[in-house]
């Protein structure tokens, strides 16, 4: 009795396999594009943190959210710079946030909660001309607005 090697896939099976792989790839690219746009575009939500920097030096801002049940699991954070003589604002991930702001002469840690939605309140920090950093404020620092520059 003669044995024959198994036959390979038919042309139709081969084309269906390629179509399936291409569909998965396109879905992955679309999902990745939406995720990237959501992560990088803060154009639809109000800022969560606003730094009014009246000093002539860039200030550093490190922020971190609490993880799941107080653990490091699913925690997020990052580092951003507050430009000298400008008002800088950022969107942060929702949750309990800890920020540490550092100028040339001072460091201040602030704790606040970022909520979801369009009506979420911003937190404000003022860095005065001498580099002193205010406590976290619920409104614009007195005597400042979004056009504040160095005195």
Protein backbone atom coordinates (compact mmCIF):
# COMPACT_ATOMS: atom_id res chain seq x y z
CA UNK A 1 0.00 0.00 0.00
CA UNK A 2 1.29 3.36 -0.97
CA UNK A 3 1.19 6.27 1.53
CA UNK A 4 0.74 9.79 0.30
CA UNK A 5 1.88 12.91 2.10
CA UNK A 6 -0.96 15.06 3.46
CA UNK A 7 -2.19 17.66 1.03
CA UNK A 8 -1.49 21.33 1.83
CA UNK A 9 -4.17 23.96 2.24
CA UNK A 10 -6.26 24.80 -0.74
CA UNK A 11 -6.04 28.20 -2.33
CA UNK A 12 -9.38 29.18 -0.74
CA UNK A 13 -8.21 28.12 2.73
CA UNK A 14 -4.98 30.02 2.27
CA UNK A 15 -6.80 33.21 1.23
CA UNK A 16 -9.26 32.94 4.14
CA UNK A 17 -6.33 32.62 6.55
CA UNK A 18 -4.62 35.68 5.10
CA UNK A 19 -7.87 37.66 5.28
CA UNK A 20 -8.34 36.68 8.93
CA UNK A 21 -4.79 37.75 9.84
CA UNK A 22 -5.20 41.05 7.96
CA UNK A 23 -8.51 41.78 9.76
CA UNK A 24 -6.90 41.21 13.16
CA UNK A 25 -4.02 43.51 12.19
CA UNK A 26 -6.36 46.30 11.05
CA UNK A 27 -8.42 46.03 14.25
CA UNK A 28 -5.23 46.21 16.32
CA UNK A 29 -4.04 49.31 14.47
CA UNK A 30 -7.41 51.05 14.89
CA UNK A 31 -7.58 50.18 18.61
CA UNK A 32 -4.00 51.42 19.09
CA UNK A 33 -4.76 54.69 17.29
CA UNK A 34 -7.77 55.34 19.51
CA UNK A 35 -5.78 54.54 22.65
CA UNK A 36 -2.93 56.82 21.58
CA UNK A 37 -5.30 59.66 20.72
CA UNK A 38 -7.05 59.30 24.07
CA UNK A 39 -3.75 59.30 25.98
CA UNK A 40 -2.19 62.27 24.18
CA UNK A 41 -5.10 64.59 23.44
CA UNK A 42 -6.20 66.61 26.40
CA UNK A 43 -8.25 68.83 24.13
CA UNK A 44 -11.67 67.69 25.35
CA UNK A 45 -11.21 67.72 29.11
CA UNK A 46 -10.35 70.61 31.42
CA UNK A 47 -6.91 70.58 33.06
CA UNK A 48 -6.49 68.95 36.46
CA UNK A 49 -3.33 70.75 37.60
CA UNK A 50 -2.42 74.37 36.86
CA UNK A 51 0.96 75.78 37.91
CA UNK A 52 1.35 79.57 37.92
CA UNK A 53 5.14 79.97 37.81
CA UNK A 54 6.21 83.56 38.48
CA UNK A 55 9.85 82.61 39.00
CA UNK A 56 12.59 82.85 36.39
CA UNK A 57 13.36 79.12 36.67
CA UNK A 58 11.68 76.00 35.35
CA UNK A 59 9.96 74.03 38.11
CA UNK A 60 9.78 70.25 38.20
CA UNK A 61 6.51 68.44 38.86
CA UNK A 62 6.35 64.74 39.69
CA UNK A 63 2.89 63.21 40.03
CA UNK A 64 1.57 59.79 40.94
CA UNK A 65 -1.83 58.20 41.47
CA UNK A 66 -2.50 55.60 44.11
CA UNK A 67 -2.62 52.04 42.87
CA UNK A 68 -5.32 49.43 43.29
CA UNK A 69 -6.19 49.14 47.00
CA UNK A 70 -3.11 51.18 47.92
CA UNK A 71 -0.71 48.83 46.13
CA UNK A 72 1.59 49.69 43.20
CA UNK A 73 -0.72 47.67 40.91
CA UNK A 74 -2.26 49.91 38.21
CA UNK A 75 -0.52 53.02 39.56
CA UNK A 76 0.30 55.82 37.12
CA UNK A 77 2.50 58.87 37.24
CA UNK A 78 5.06 60.94 35.48
CA UNK A 79 7.33 63.97 35.39
CA UNK A 80 6.49 67.30 33.82
CA UNK A 81 8.16 70.71 33.79
CA UNK A 82 6.42 74.00 34.57
CA UNK A 83 7.90 76.66 32.29
CA UNK A 84 9.46 79.74 33.85
CA UNK A 85 7.32 82.89 33.84
CA UNK A 86 4.28 81.04 32.46
CA UNK A 87 1.08 79.30 33.39
CA UNK A 88 1.27 75.57 32.67
CA UNK A 89 -1.60 73.09 32.86
CA UNK A 90 -1.95 69.32 32.56
CA UNK A 91 -4.49 66.55 32.58
CA UNK A 92 -3.77 63.75 35.03
CA UNK A 93 -5.20 60.27 35.46
CA UNK A 94 -8.26 60.04 37.72
CA UNK A 95 -7.80 59.00 41.34
CA UNK A 96 -6.00 60.21 44.44
CA UNK A 97 -3.00 62.16 43.15
CA UNK A 98 0.20 63.14 44.93
CA UNK A 99 2.27 65.88 43.30
CA UNK A 100 5.71 67.07 44.32
CA UNK A 101 6.65 70.46 42.91
CA UNK A 102 10.23 71.67 43.13
CA UNK A 103 11.70 75.08 42.43
CA UNK A 104 15.27 76.25 42.98
CA UNK A 105 14.51 77.21 46.58
CA UNK A 106 11.56 75.07 47.75
CA UNK A 107 9.70 71.79 47.43
CA UNK A 108 6.01 71.24 48.15
CA UNK A 109 3.94 68.07 48.11
CA UNK A 110 0.20 68.34 47.46
CA UNK A 111 -2.51 65.68 47.63
CA UNK A 112 -5.82 65.98 45.79
CA UNK A 113 -8.38 63.86 43.96
CA UNK A 114 -8.91 63.94 40.20
CA UNK A 115 -12.44 62.98 39.23
CA UNK A 116 -13.74 62.01 35.81
CA UNK A 117 -16.09 64.13 33.74
CA UNK A 118 -16.12 67.58 32.20
CA UNK A 119 -16.98 69.40 35.45
CA UNK A 120 -13.90 68.23 37.32
CA UNK A 121 -12.24 70.98 39.33
CA UNK A 122 -8.63 71.98 38.74
CA UNK A 123 -6.02 72.37 41.49
CA UNK A 124 -3.69 75.36 41.41
CA UNK A 125 -0.17 75.93 42.73
CA UNK A 126 1.63 79.28 42.70
CA UNK A 127 5.40 79.59 42.51
CA UNK A 128 6.25 83.17 43.43
CA UNK A 129 9.19 85.22 42.14
CA UNK A 130 11.42 83.96 44.98
CA UNK A 131 10.59 80.30 44.20
CA UNK A 132 8.29 79.73 47.19
CA UNK A 133 5.44 77.29 46.43
CA UNK A 134 1.90 77.76 47.72
CA UNK A 135 -0.36 75.10 49.15
CA UNK A 136 -2.77 73.47 46.71
CA UNK A 137 -5.53 75.98 45.89
CA UNK A 138 -9.07 75.41 44.62
CA UNK A 139 -9.07 78.61 42.52
CA UNK A 140 -6.63 80.91 40.71
CA UNK A 141 -4.04 82.35 43.11
CA UNK A 142 -5.03 85.90 44.10
CA UNK A 143 -3.77 88.52 41.67
CA UNK A 144 -3.05 86.04 38.87
CA UNK A 145 -4.77 84.75 35.76
CA UNK A 146 -3.88 82.68 32.71
CA UNK A 147 -1.75 85.51 31.29
CA UNK A 148 0.50 85.85 34.34
CA UNK A 149 4.20 86.34 33.58
CA UNK A 150 7.24 87.12 35.70
CA UNK A 151 7.10 90.36 37.71
